């Protein structure tokens, strides 16, 4: 059983922002993940990985549509041609609202103990996605990129759990999380060619903070990181390595976050409850819910897949 801790971050006096998230949907997802705000449709897409569901939220009515799959789904990103590209357990697929599913690329067929995990698009519409071991191997995962035409390239190998992705185009930077390193890395990013270099660590999680999971970036270039087994989303200045804010979440396993709403100032947060004991679920009854908080800070629009 994973250890559940209570994380309070740095002393309150060192943070410019401490706020509490509210639950907007009590869905008790086994492993909620992959929050993505669609600014055109004004909908939030997220997934229940172990429940094998894509969930589509109307935040005004707080209602949901769900689509079920025959294998685990870890991410869904809308495509400019319609529908979504989805990261399923064994590869990348195109999924349409009529329930049709088309394989775009098998991934790691030689590693049946692996599955796909977090995925996002850069501003050129390339899909970046990673893999992880389902057998607790520490370096069996990789990071990949798929061009809009379907070509897949491996970018990094020896990854533990490939997770959060974010880009700062104004500075030519790409942020990346391998959860098992307990930090956030940055790489110099060539947007035209879709290549990275100079990987280095810019944020290191303190002891007792849980592990870094999903991530997003705001319009000021600050990154927001979900804490698996830490009960919060933290805001960091990646240029100084300083934590400058915290959103407290009434669930220990916080998995991903995305800015949404009409002004992109609402942070949507997913969580999980898989593996929690009855006693832990009694302590954290909202675990697995979808949360939201108005941050007063604008995010940046999420990108669509260009294929």
C-alpha atoms as a PDB file:
ATOM      1  CA  UNK A   1       0.000   0.000   0.000  1.00  0.00           C
ATOM      2  CA  UNK A   2       1.269   3.442  -0.870  1.00  0.00           C
ATOM      3  CA  UNK A   3       1.963   5.678   2.106  1.00  0.00           C
ATOM      4  CA  UNK A   4      -0.535   8.548   2.378  1.00  0.00           C
ATOM      5  CA  UNK A   5       0.893  11.745   3.771  1.00  0.00           C
ATOM      6  CA  UNK A   6      -0.312  15.227   4.522  1.00  0.00           C
ATOM      7  CA  UNK A   7       1.776  17.786   2.656  1.00  0.00           C
ATOM      8  CA  UNK A   8       1.823  21.430   3.661  1.00  0.00           C
ATOM      9  CA  UNK A   9       4.684  22.505   1.411  1.00  0.00           C
ATOM     10  CA  UNK A  10       6.905  25.355   2.510  1.00  0.00           C
ATOM     11  CA  UNK A  11       5.961  27.693   5.312  1.00  0.00           C
ATOM     12  CA  UNK A  12       2.928  29.814   4.491  1.00  0.00           C
ATOM     13  CA  UNK A  13       4.931  33.008   4.651  1.00  0.00           C
ATOM     14  CA  UNK A  14       6.996  31.858   1.671  1.00  0.00           C
ATOM     15  CA  UNK A  15       4.022  31.379  -0.637  1.00  0.00           C
ATOM     16  CA  UNK A  16       2.214  34.113  -2.509  1.00  0.00           C
ATOM     17  CA  UNK A  17      -0.815  31.889  -3.193  1.00  0.00           C
ATOM     18  CA  UNK A  18      -2.550  29.281  -1.008  1.00  0.00           C
ATOM     19  CA  UNK A  19      -6.058  28.307  -2.091  1.00  0.00           C
ATOM     20  CA  UNK A  20      -8.491  25.403  -1.675  1.00  0.00           C
ATOM     21  CA  UNK A  21      -9.982  23.449  -4.562  1.00  0.00           C
ATOM     22  CA  UNK A  22     -13.656  22.488  -4.595  1.00  0.00           C
ATOM     23  CA  UNK A  23     -15.019  19.238  -5.945  1.00  0.00           C
ATOM     24  CA  UNK A  24     -17.301  19.650  -8.948  1.00  0.00           C
ATOM     25  CA  UNK A  25     -17.906  15.961  -9.781  1.00  0.00           C
ATOM     26  CA  UNK A  26     -17.865  13.078  -7.320  1.00  0.00           C
ATOM     27  CA  UNK A  27     -17.206  10.267  -9.801  1.00  0.00           C
ATOM     28  CA  UNK A  28     -14.867   8.145  -7.645  1.00  0.00           C
ATOM     29  CA  UNK A  29     -12.497   7.480 -10.539  1.00  0.00           C
ATOM     30  CA  UNK A  30     -10.013   4.700  -9.920  1.00  0.00           C
ATOM     31  CA  UNK A  31      -7.278   6.660 -11.690  1.00  0.00           C
ATOM     32  CA  UNK A  32      -8.415  10.039 -12.985  1.00  0.00           C
ATOM     33  CA  UNK A  33      -5.849  11.680 -15.275  1.00  0.00           C
ATOM     34  CA  UNK A  34      -5.147  13.687 -18.415  1.00  0.00           C
ATOM     35  CA  UNK A  35      -7.099  16.920 -17.848  1.00  0.00           C
ATOM     36  CA  UNK A  36      -7.362  18.886 -21.116  1.00  0.00           C
ATOM     37  CA  UNK A  37      -9.459  22.023 -21.670  1.00  0.00           C
ATOM     38  CA  UNK A  38     -10.894  22.499 -25.167  1.00  0.00           C
ATOM     39  CA  UNK A  39     -11.220  26.273 -25.603  1.00  0.00           C
ATOM     40  CA  UNK A  40     -13.283  25.899 -28.784  1.00  0.00           C
ATOM     41  CA  UNK A  41     -15.857  23.464 -27.412  1.00  0.00           C
ATOM     42  CA  UNK A  42     -15.576  24.870 -23.859  1.00  0.00           C
ATOM     43  CA  UNK A  43     -15.402  21.349 -22.526  1.00  0.00           C
ATOM     44  CA  UNK A  44     -12.988  19.519 -20.263  1.00  0.00           C
ATOM     45  CA  UNK A  45     -11.680  16.153 -21.385  1.00  0.00           C
ATOM     46  CA  UNK A  46     -10.171  13.779 -18.853  1.00  0.00           C
ATOM     47  CA  UNK A  47      -9.748  10.043 -18.468  1.00  0.00           C
ATOM     48  CA  UNK A  48     -10.226   7.289 -15.930  1.00  0.00           C
ATOM     49  CA  UNK A  49      -7.260   5.114 -16.855  1.00  0.00           C
ATOM     50  CA  UNK A  50      -8.185   1.967 -14.944  1.00  0.00           C
ATOM     51  CA  UNK A  51     -11.881   2.515 -15.628  1.00  0.00           C
ATOM     52  CA  UNK A  52     -11.041   2.698 -19.380  1.00  0.00           C
ATOM     53  CA  UNK A  53     -13.121   5.832 -19.917  1.00  0.00           C
ATOM     54  CA  UNK A  54     -12.870   9.143 -21.714  1.00  0.00           C
ATOM     55  CA  UNK A  55     -14.989  11.663 -19.793  1.00  0.00           C
ATOM     56  CA  UNK A  56     -16.275  14.922 -21.314  1.00  0.00           C
ATOM     57  CA  UNK A  57     -17.426  17.586 -18.858  1.00  0.00           C
ATOM     58  CA  UNK A  58     -19.707  20.552 -19.387  1.00  0.00           C
ATOM     59  CA  UNK A  59     -18.546  22.803 -16.532  1.00  0.00           C
ATOM     60  CA  UNK A  60     -21.665  24.976 -16.655  1.00  0.00           C
ATOM     61  CA  UNK A  61     -24.108  22.140 -16.018  1.00  0.00           C
ATOM     62  CA  UNK A  62     -21.520  19.901 -14.296  1.00  0.00           C
ATOM     63  CA  UNK A  63     -22.730  17.042 -16.486  1.00  0.00           C
ATOM     64  CA  UNK A  64     -20.615  14.410 -18.197  1.00  0.00           C
ATOM     65  CA  UNK A  65     -20.569  12.172 -21.217  1.00  0.00           C
ATOM     66  CA  UNK A  66     -18.443   9.037 -21.059  1.00  0.00           C
ATOM     67  CA  UNK A  67     -16.926   6.817 -23.741  1.00  0.00           C
ATOM     68  CA  UNK A  68     -15.727   3.333 -22.795  1.00  0.00           C
ATOM     69  CA  UNK A  69     -12.750   1.527 -24.329  1.00  0.00           C
ATOM     70  CA  UNK A  70     -11.559  -2.062 -24.379  1.00  0.00           C
ATOM     71  CA  UNK A  71      -8.200  -1.179 -22.856  1.00  0.00           C
ATOM     72  CA  UNK A  72      -6.771   1.475 -20.571  1.00  0.00           C
ATOM     73  CA  UNK A  73      -6.831   5.059 -21.871  1.00  0.00           C
ATOM     74  CA  UNK A  74      -4.348   7.575 -20.462  1.00  0.00           C
ATOM     75  CA  UNK A  75      -4.939  10.748 -22.517  1.00  0.00           C
ATOM     76  CA  UNK A  76      -7.231  12.330 -25.110  1.00  0.00           C
ATOM     77  CA  UNK A  77      -6.375  15.392 -27.206  1.00  0.00           C
ATOM     78  CA  UNK A  78      -8.768  16.944 -29.757  1.00  0.00           C
ATOM     79  CA  UNK A  79      -7.622  16.870 -33.374  1.00  0.00           C
ATOM     80  CA  UNK A  80      -8.033  19.661 -35.928  1.00  0.00           C
ATOM     81  CA  UNK A  81      -9.630  17.151 -38.303  1.00  0.00           C
ATOM     82  CA  UNK A  82     -12.257  16.245 -35.706  1.00  0.00           C
ATOM     83  CA  UNK A  83     -12.464  13.715 -32.909  1.00  0.00           C
ATOM     84  CA  UNK A  84      -9.511  12.992 -30.666  1.00  0.00           C
ATOM     85  CA  UNK A  85      -6.160  11.293 -30.675  1.00  0.00           C
ATOM     86  CA  UNK A  86      -6.166   8.962 -27.689  1.00  0.00           C
ATOM     87  CA  UNK A  87      -3.345   7.198 -25.899  1.00  0.00           C
ATOM     88  CA  UNK A  88      -4.511   3.658 -25.230  1.00  0.00           C
ATOM     89  CA  UNK A  89      -2.521   0.988 -23.469  1.00  0.00           C
ATOM     90  CA  UNK A  90      -0.732  -0.249 -26.606  1.00  0.00           C
ATOM     91  CA  UNK A  91      -0.627   2.751 -28.916  1.00  0.00           C
ATOM     92  CA  UNK A  92      -2.046   5.954 -30.371  1.00  0.00           C
ATOM     93  CA  UNK A  93      -5.498   5.871 -31.982  1.00  0.00           C
ATOM     94  CA  UNK A  94      -7.908   8.276 -33.661  1.00  0.00           C
ATOM     95  CA  UNK A  95     -11.307   8.251 -31.957  1.00  0.00           C
ATOM     96  CA  UNK A  96     -14.450   9.820 -33.397  1.00  0.00           C
ATOM     97  CA  UNK A  97     -17.734  10.724 -31.752  1.00  0.00           C
ATOM     98  CA  UNK A  98     -19.424   7.960 -33.759  1.00  0.00           C
ATOM     99  CA  UNK A  99     -17.328   5.536 -31.616  1.00  0.00           C
ATOM    100  CA  UNK A 100     -15.020   4.584 -34.496  1.00  0.00           C
ATOM    101  CA  UNK A 101     -11.448   3.836 -33.471  1.00  0.00           C
ATOM    102  CA  UNK A 102      -8.497   3.785 -35.891  1.00  0.00           C
ATOM    103  CA  UNK A 103      -4.967   2.735 -34.997  1.00  0.00           C
ATOM    104  CA  UNK A 104      -2.351   5.376 -35.838  1.00  0.00           C
ATOM    105  CA  UNK A 105       0.728   3.802 -34.250  1.00  0.00           C
ATOM    106  CA  UNK A 106       1.484   0.723 -32.165  1.00  0.00           C
ATOM    107  CA  UNK A 107       4.010   1.534 -29.435  1.00  0.00           C
ATOM    108  CA  UNK A 108       6.448  -0.868 -27.732  1.00  0.00           C
ATOM    109  CA  UNK A 109       4.906  -4.084 -29.034  1.00  0.00           C
ATOM    110  CA  UNK A 110       8.038  -5.803 -27.724  1.00  0.00           C
ATOM    111  CA  UNK A 111       7.299  -4.585 -24.170  1.00  0.00           C
ATOM    112  CA  UNK A 112       3.876  -5.981 -23.195  1.00  0.00           C
ATOM    113  CA  UNK A 113       4.548  -5.046 -19.562  1.00  0.00           C
ATOM    114  CA  UNK A 114       4.490  -1.340 -20.501  1.00  0.00           C
ATOM    115  CA  UNK A 115       1.600   1.008 -21.197  1.00  0.00           C
ATOM    116  CA  UNK A 116       1.227   4.556 -22.482  1.00  0.00           C
ATOM    117  CA  UNK A 117       0.797   7.367 -19.991  1.00  0.00           C
ATOM    118  CA  UNK A 118       0.542  11.177 -20.224  1.00  0.00           C
ATOM    119  CA  UNK A 119       0.269  12.867 -23.643  1.00  0.00           C
ATOM    120  CA  UNK A 120       0.000  16.470 -24.902  1.00  0.00           C
ATOM    121  CA  UNK A 121       0.569  18.450 -28.077  1.00  0.00           C
ATOM    122  CA  UNK A 122       3.065  21.228 -28.686  1.00  0.00           C
ATOM    123  CA  UNK A 123       2.037  24.387 -30.567  1.00  0.00           C
ATOM    124  CA  UNK A 124       2.950  22.786 -33.912  1.00  0.00           C
ATOM    125  CA  UNK A 125       0.398  20.062 -33.247  1.00  0.00           C
ATOM    126  CA  UNK A 126       2.867  17.250 -32.582  1.00  0.00           C
ATOM    127  CA  UNK A 127       1.742  14.693 -29.996  1.00  0.00           C
ATOM    128  CA  UNK A 128       4.250  14.028 -27.219  1.00  0.00           C
ATOM    129  CA  UNK A 129       3.614  10.954 -25.108  1.00  0.00           C
ATOM    130  CA  UNK A 130       5.423   8.628 -22.752  1.00  0.00           C
ATOM    131  CA  UNK A 131       5.337   5.080 -21.465  1.00  0.00           C
ATOM    132  CA  UNK A 132       5.776   3.367 -18.118  1.00  0.00           C
ATOM    133  CA  UNK A 133       6.131  -0.130 -16.733  1.00  0.00           C
ATOM    134  CA  UNK A 134       3.109  -1.857 -15.212  1.00  0.00           C
ATOM    135  CA  UNK A 135       5.544  -4.218 -13.468  1.00  0.00           C
ATOM    136  CA  UNK A 136       7.294  -1.544 -11.361  1.00  0.00           C
ATOM    137  CA  UNK A 137      10.462  -1.555 -13.446  1.00  0.00           C
ATOM    138  CA  UNK A 138      12.270   1.718 -12.781  1.00  0.00           C
ATOM    139  CA  UNK A 139      13.718   2.517 -16.204  1.00  0.00           C
ATOM    140  CA  UNK A 140      11.587   0.663 -18.773  1.00  0.00           C
ATOM    141  CA  UNK A 141       9.686   3.717 -20.041  1.00  0.00           C
ATOM    142  CA  UNK A 142      10.425   6.175 -22.831  1.00  0.00           C
ATOM    143  CA  UNK A 143       9.298   9.537 -24.209  1.00  0.00           C
ATOM    144  CA  UNK A 144       8.086   9.752 -27.817  1.00  0.00           C
ATOM    145  CA  UNK A 145       6.773  12.315 -30.266  1.00  0.00           C
ATOM    146  CA  UNK A 146       4.349  11.687 -33.126  1.00  0.00           C
ATOM    147  CA  UNK A 147       4.342  14.088 -36.070  1.00  0.00           C
ATOM    148  CA  UNK A 148       0.955  15.090 -37.543  1.00  0.00           C
ATOM    149  CA  UNK A 149       1.664  12.752 -40.453  1.00  0.00           C
ATOM    150  CA  UNK A 150       1.990   9.769 -38.117  1.00  0.00           C
ATOM    151  CA  UNK A 151       5.782   9.342 -37.848  1.00  0.00           C
ATOM    152  CA  UNK A 152       6.810   8.327 -34.309  1.00  0.00           C
ATOM    153  CA  UNK A 153      10.251   9.085 -32.873  1.00  0.00           C
ATOM    154  CA  UNK A 154      11.736   8.023 -29.546  1.00  0.00           C
ATOM    155  CA  UNK A 155      13.152  11.061 -27.732  1.00  0.00           C
ATOM    156  CA  UNK A 156      14.232   9.748 -24.319  1.00  0.00           C
ATOM    157  CA  UNK A 157      14.723   6.262 -22.873  1.00  0.00           C
ATOM    158  CA  UNK A 158      15.383   4.897 -19.382  1.00  0.00           C
ATOM    159  CA  UNK A 159      12.290   6.649 -18.013  1.00  0.00           C
ATOM    160  CA  UNK A 160      10.542   5.490 -14.828  1.00  0.00           C
ATOM    161  CA  UNK A 161       7.026   6.944 -15.124  1.00  0.00           C
ATOM    162  CA  UNK A 162       6.626   9.391 -18.004  1.00  0.00           C
ATOM    163  CA  UNK A 163       4.263  12.119 -16.856  1.00  0.00           C
ATOM    164  CA  UNK A 164       3.792  15.913 -17.032  1.00  0.00           C
ATOM    165  CA  UNK A 165       4.531  17.945 -20.168  1.00  0.00           C
ATOM    166  CA  UNK A 166       4.488  21.717 -20.746  1.00  0.00           C
ATOM    167  CA  UNK A 167       6.047  24.217 -23.148  1.00  0.00           C
ATOM    168  CA  UNK A 168       7.179  27.833 -22.868  1.00  0.00           C
ATOM    169  CA  UNK A 169       7.428  28.837 -26.506  1.00  0.00           C
ATOM    170  CA  UNK A 170       8.544  32.377 -25.685  1.00  0.00           C
ATOM    171  CA  UNK A 171      11.693  31.002 -24.066  1.00  0.00           C
ATOM    172  CA  UNK A 172      12.153  27.921 -26.263  1.00  0.00           C
ATOM    173  CA  UNK A 173      11.701  25.532 -23.332  1.00  0.00           C
ATOM    174  CA  UNK A 174       9.970  22.211 -22.747  1.00  0.00           C
ATOM    175  CA  UNK A 175       9.252  20.960 -19.222  1.00  0.00           C
ATOM    176  CA  UNK A 176       9.045  17.249 -18.476  1.00  0.00           C
ATOM    177  CA  UNK A 177       8.366  15.002 -15.489  1.00  0.00           C
ATOM    178  CA  UNK A 178       9.616  11.503 -14.841  1.00  0.00           C
ATOM    179  CA  UNK A 179       7.816  10.902 -11.553  1.00  0.00           C
ATOM    180  CA  UNK A 180      10.460   8.573 -10.163  1.00  0.00           C
ATOM    181  CA  UNK A 181      13.113  11.299 -10.301  1.00  0.00           C
ATOM    182  CA  UNK A 182      10.980  13.387  -7.880  1.00  0.00           C
ATOM    183  CA  UNK A 183      11.675  16.495  -9.926  1.00  0.00           C
ATOM    184  CA  UNK A 184      10.787  18.578 -12.959  1.00  0.00           C
ATOM    185  CA  UNK A 185      13.271  18.797 -15.820  1.00  0.00           C
ATOM    186  CA  UNK A 186      13.564  21.390 -18.565  1.00  0.00           C
ATOM    187  CA  UNK A 187      15.009  21.006 -22.045  1.00  0.00           C
ATOM    188  CA  UNK A 188      15.848  23.514 -24.758  1.00  0.00           C
ATOM    189  CA  UNK A 189      13.159  23.068 -27.384  1.00  0.00           C
ATOM    190  CA  UNK A 190      13.424  23.572 -31.119  1.00  0.00           C
ATOM    191  CA  UNK A 191       9.791  24.137 -32.064  1.00  0.00           C
ATOM    192  CA  UNK A 192      10.395  23.996 -35.811  1.00  0.00           C
ATOM    193  CA  UNK A 193      12.100  20.605 -35.731  1.00  0.00           C
ATOM    194  CA  UNK A 194      10.493  19.141 -32.607  1.00  0.00           C
ATOM    195  CA  UNK A 195      13.825  18.318 -30.987  1.00  0.00           C
ATOM    196  CA  UNK A 196      15.119  18.754 -27.436  1.00  0.00           C
ATOM    197  CA  UNK A 197      18.547  19.131 -25.863  1.00  0.00           C
ATOM    198  CA  UNK A 198      20.263  20.048 -22.616  1.00  0.00           C
ATOM    199  CA  UNK A 199      17.974  18.227 -20.174  1.00  0.00           C
ATOM    200  CA  UNK A 200      18.444  19.517 -16.610  1.00  0.00           C
ATOM    201  CA  UNK A 201      16.482  19.577 -13.351  1.00  0.00           C
ATOM    202  CA  UNK A 202      14.818  22.849 -12.312  1.00  0.00           C
ATOM    203  CA  UNK A 203      12.489  21.716  -9.493  1.00  0.00           C
ATOM    204  CA  UNK A 204      13.179  19.096  -6.834  1.00  0.00           C
ATOM    205  CA  UNK A 205      10.337  17.861  -4.626  1.00  0.00           C
ATOM    206  CA  UNK A 206      11.134  17.931  -0.889  1.00  0.00           C
ATOM    207  CA  UNK A 207      10.823  14.825   1.259  1.00  0.00           C
ATOM    208  CA  UNK A 208       7.227  14.097   2.208  1.00  0.00           C
ATOM    209  CA  UNK A 209       5.770  16.059  -0.724  1.00  0.00           C
ATOM    210  CA  UNK A 210       4.726  13.019  -2.740  1.00  0.00           C
ATOM    211  CA  UNK A 211       5.749  12.556  -6.357  1.00  0.00           C
ATOM    212  CA  UNK A 212       5.324  14.961  -9.285  1.00  0.00           C
ATOM    213  CA  UNK A 213       2.619  13.805 -11.686  1.00  0.00           C
ATOM    214  CA  UNK A 214       0.767  15.937 -14.271  1.00  0.00           C
ATOM    215  CA  UNK A 215       1.743  19.520 -15.035  1.00  0.00           C
ATOM    216  CA  UNK A 216       0.605  22.688 -16.778  1.00  0.00           C
ATOM    217  CA  UNK A 217       2.002  26.178 -17.345  1.00  0.00           C
ATOM    218  CA  UNK A 218       0.478  29.634 -16.921  1.00  0.00           C
ATOM    219  CA  UNK A 219       0.782  32.829 -18.952  1.00  0.00           C
ATOM    220  CA  UNK A 220       3.561  34.080 -16.653  1.00  0.00           C
ATOM    221  CA  UNK A 221       5.747  31.056 -17.407  1.00  0.00           C
ATOM    222  CA  UNK A 222       5.213  29.468 -13.992  1.00  0.00           C
ATOM    223  CA  UNK A 223       4.537  25.726 -13.800  1.00  0.00           C
ATOM    224  CA  UNK A 224       1.811  23.961 -11.810  1.00  0.00           C
ATOM    225  CA  UNK A 225       2.493  20.382 -10.699  1.00  0.00           C
ATOM    226  CA  UNK A 226       0.094  17.752  -9.310  1.00  0.00           C
ATOM    227  CA  UNK A 227       1.354  15.882  -6.235  1.00  0.00           C
ATOM    228  CA  UNK A 228       0.721  12.127  -6.269  1.00  0.00           C
ATOM    229  CA  UNK A 229       0.439  11.217  -2.569  1.00  0.00           C
ATOM    230  CA  UNK A 230       0.792  14.883  -1.662  1.00  0.00           C
ATOM    231  CA  UNK A 231      -2.773  16.228  -1.703  1.00  0.00           C
ATOM    232  CA  UNK A 232      -2.122  19.422  -3.669  1.00  0.00           C
ATOM    233  CA  UNK A 233      -1.061  21.191  -6.828  1.00  0.00           C
ATOM    234  CA  UNK A 234       2.013  23.370  -6.375  1.00  0.00           C
ATOM    235  CA  UNK A 235       3.047  26.433  -8.358  1.00  0.00           C
ATOM    236  CA  UNK A 236       6.769  26.923  -9.065  1.00  0.00           C
ATOM    237  CA  UNK A 237       9.054  29.477 -10.602  1.00  0.00           C
ATOM    238  CA  UNK A 238      11.111  27.142 -12.797  1.00  0.00           C
ATOM    239  CA  UNK A 239      13.799  29.769 -13.312  1.00  0.00           C
ATOM    240  CA  UNK A 240      14.639  29.931  -9.600  1.00  0.00           C
ATOM    241  CA  UNK A 241      13.379  26.538  -8.395  1.00  0.00           C
ATOM    242  CA  UNK A 242      11.199  28.293  -5.812  1.00  0.00           C
ATOM    243  CA  UNK A 243       7.712  27.140  -4.849  1.00  0.00           C
ATOM    244  CA  UNK A 244       5.424  30.186  -4.947  1.00  0.00           C
ATOM    245  CA  UNK A 245       1.934  28.776  -4.513  1.00  0.00           C
ATOM    246  CA  UNK A 246      -0.220  25.819  -3.542  1.00  0.00           C
ATOM    247  CA  UNK A 247      -3.735  24.593  -4.252  1.00  0.00           C
ATOM    248  CA  UNK A 248      -4.884  22.239  -1.525  1.00  0.00           C
ATOM    249  CA  UNK A 249      -6.985  19.292  -2.714  1.00  0.00           C
ATOM    250  CA  UNK A 250      -9.097  17.059  -0.407  1.00  0.00           C
ATOM    251  CA  UNK A 251      -7.661  13.901  -1.973  1.00  0.00           C
ATOM    252  CA  UNK A 252      -4.170  12.449  -1.482  1.00  0.00           C
ATOM    253  CA  UNK A 253      -3.472  11.196  -5.007  1.00  0.00           C
ATOM    254  CA  UNK A 254      -3.617  14.310  -7.211  1.00  0.00           C
ATOM    255  CA  UNK A 255      -2.821  13.406 -10.789  1.00  0.00           C
ATOM    256  CA  UNK A 256      -3.176  16.214 -13.342  1.00  0.00           C
ATOM    257  CA  UNK A 257      -4.240  19.830 -13.796  1.00  0.00           C
ATOM    258  CA  UNK A 258      -5.286  22.082 -16.668  1.00  0.00           C
ATOM    259  CA  UNK A 259      -6.367  25.702 -16.997  1.00  0.00           C
ATOM    260  CA  UNK A 260      -9.844  26.208 -18.397  1.00  0.00           C
ATOM    261  CA  UNK A 261     -12.960  28.346 -18.275  1.00  0.00           C
ATOM    262  CA  UNK A 262     -13.831  31.385 -20.352  1.00  0.00           C
ATOM    263  CA  UNK A 263     -10.808  33.337 -19.103  1.00  0.00           C
ATOM    264  CA  UNK A 264      -8.473  30.342 -18.678  1.00  0.00           C
ATOM    265  CA  UNK A 265      -8.156  31.174 -14.982  1.00  0.00           C
ATOM    266  CA  UNK A 266      -9.912  28.109 -13.577  1.00  0.00           C
ATOM    267  CA  UNK A 267      -7.642  25.199 -12.712  1.00  0.00           C
ATOM    268  CA  UNK A 268      -9.237  21.764 -13.208  1.00  0.00           C
ATOM    269  CA  UNK A 269      -7.673  18.975 -11.140  1.00  0.00           C
ATOM    270  CA  UNK A 270      -8.043  15.197 -11.370  1.00  0.00           C
ATOM    271  CA  UNK A 271      -7.435  12.622  -8.646  1.00  0.00           C
ATOM    272  CA  UNK A 272      -7.370   8.871  -7.993  1.00  0.00           C
ATOM    273  CA  UNK A 273      -8.512   6.354  -5.389  1.00  0.00           C
ATOM    274  CA  UNK A 274      -7.063   3.091  -6.726  1.00  0.00           C
ATOM    275  CA  UNK A 275      -5.395   0.987  -4.021  1.00  0.00           C
ATOM    276  CA  UNK A 276      -6.756   2.959  -1.077  1.00  0.00           C
ATOM    277  CA  UNK A 277      -7.999   0.954   1.911  1.00  0.00           C
ATOM    278  CA  UNK A 278     -11.519   1.336   3.373  1.00  0.00           C
ATOM    279  CA  UNK A 279     -10.025   3.321   6.230  1.00  0.00           C
ATOM    280  CA  UNK A 280      -8.210   5.644   3.866  1.00  0.00           C
ATOM    281  CA  UNK A 281     -11.339   6.127   1.760  1.00  0.00           C
ATOM    282  CA  UNK A 282     -13.250   7.013   4.903  1.00  0.00           C
ATOM    283  CA  UNK A 283     -10.634   9.676   5.650  1.00  0.00           C
ATOM    284  CA  UNK A 284     -10.580  10.912   2.019  1.00  0.00           C
ATOM    285  CA  UNK A 285     -14.137  10.333   0.718  1.00  0.00           C
ATOM    286  CA  UNK A 286     -13.702  12.714  -2.234  1.00  0.00           C
ATOM    287  CA  UNK A 287     -10.705  10.815  -3.651  1.00  0.00           C
ATOM    288  CA  UNK A 288     -11.200  10.110  -7.344  1.00  0.00           C
ATOM    289  CA  UNK A 289     -13.240  13.269  -7.840  1.00  0.00           C
ATOM    290  CA  UNK A 290     -12.790  16.150 -10.273  1.00  0.00           C
ATOM    291  CA  UNK A 291     -11.896  19.471  -8.642  1.00  0.00           C
ATOM    292  CA  UNK A 292     -11.745  23.112  -9.686  1.00  0.00           C
ATOM    293  CA  UNK A 293     -10.355  26.352  -8.301  1.00  0.00           C
ATOM    294  CA  UNK A 294     -10.350  29.935  -9.583  1.00  0.00           C
ATOM    295  CA  UNK A 295      -6.697  30.940  -9.421  1.00  0.00           C
ATOM    296  CA  UNK A 296      -6.877  34.544 -10.579  1.00  0.00           C
ATOM    297  CA  UNK A 297      -4.011  33.625 -12.917  1.00  0.00           C
ATOM    298  CA  UNK A 298      -4.456  32.883 -16.617  1.00  0.00           C
ATOM    299  CA  UNK A 299      -3.188  29.734 -18.210  1.00  0.00           C
ATOM    300  CA  UNK A 300      -2.312  29.241 -21.867  1.00  0.00           C
ATOM    301  CA  UNK A 301      -4.593  27.489 -24.384  1.00  0.00           C
ATOM    302  CA  UNK A 302      -4.006  23.772 -24.818  1.00  0.00           C
ATOM    303  CA  UNK A 303      -2.912  22.668 -28.278  1.00  0.00           C
ATOM    304  CA  UNK A 304      -4.748  20.398 -30.716  1.00  0.00           C
ATOM    305  CA  UNK A 305      -3.244  17.556 -32.705  1.00  0.00           C
ATOM    306  CA  UNK A 306      -2.554  18.807 -36.224  1.00  0.00           C
ATOM    307  CA  UNK A 307      -3.372  15.518 -37.948  1.00  0.00           C
END
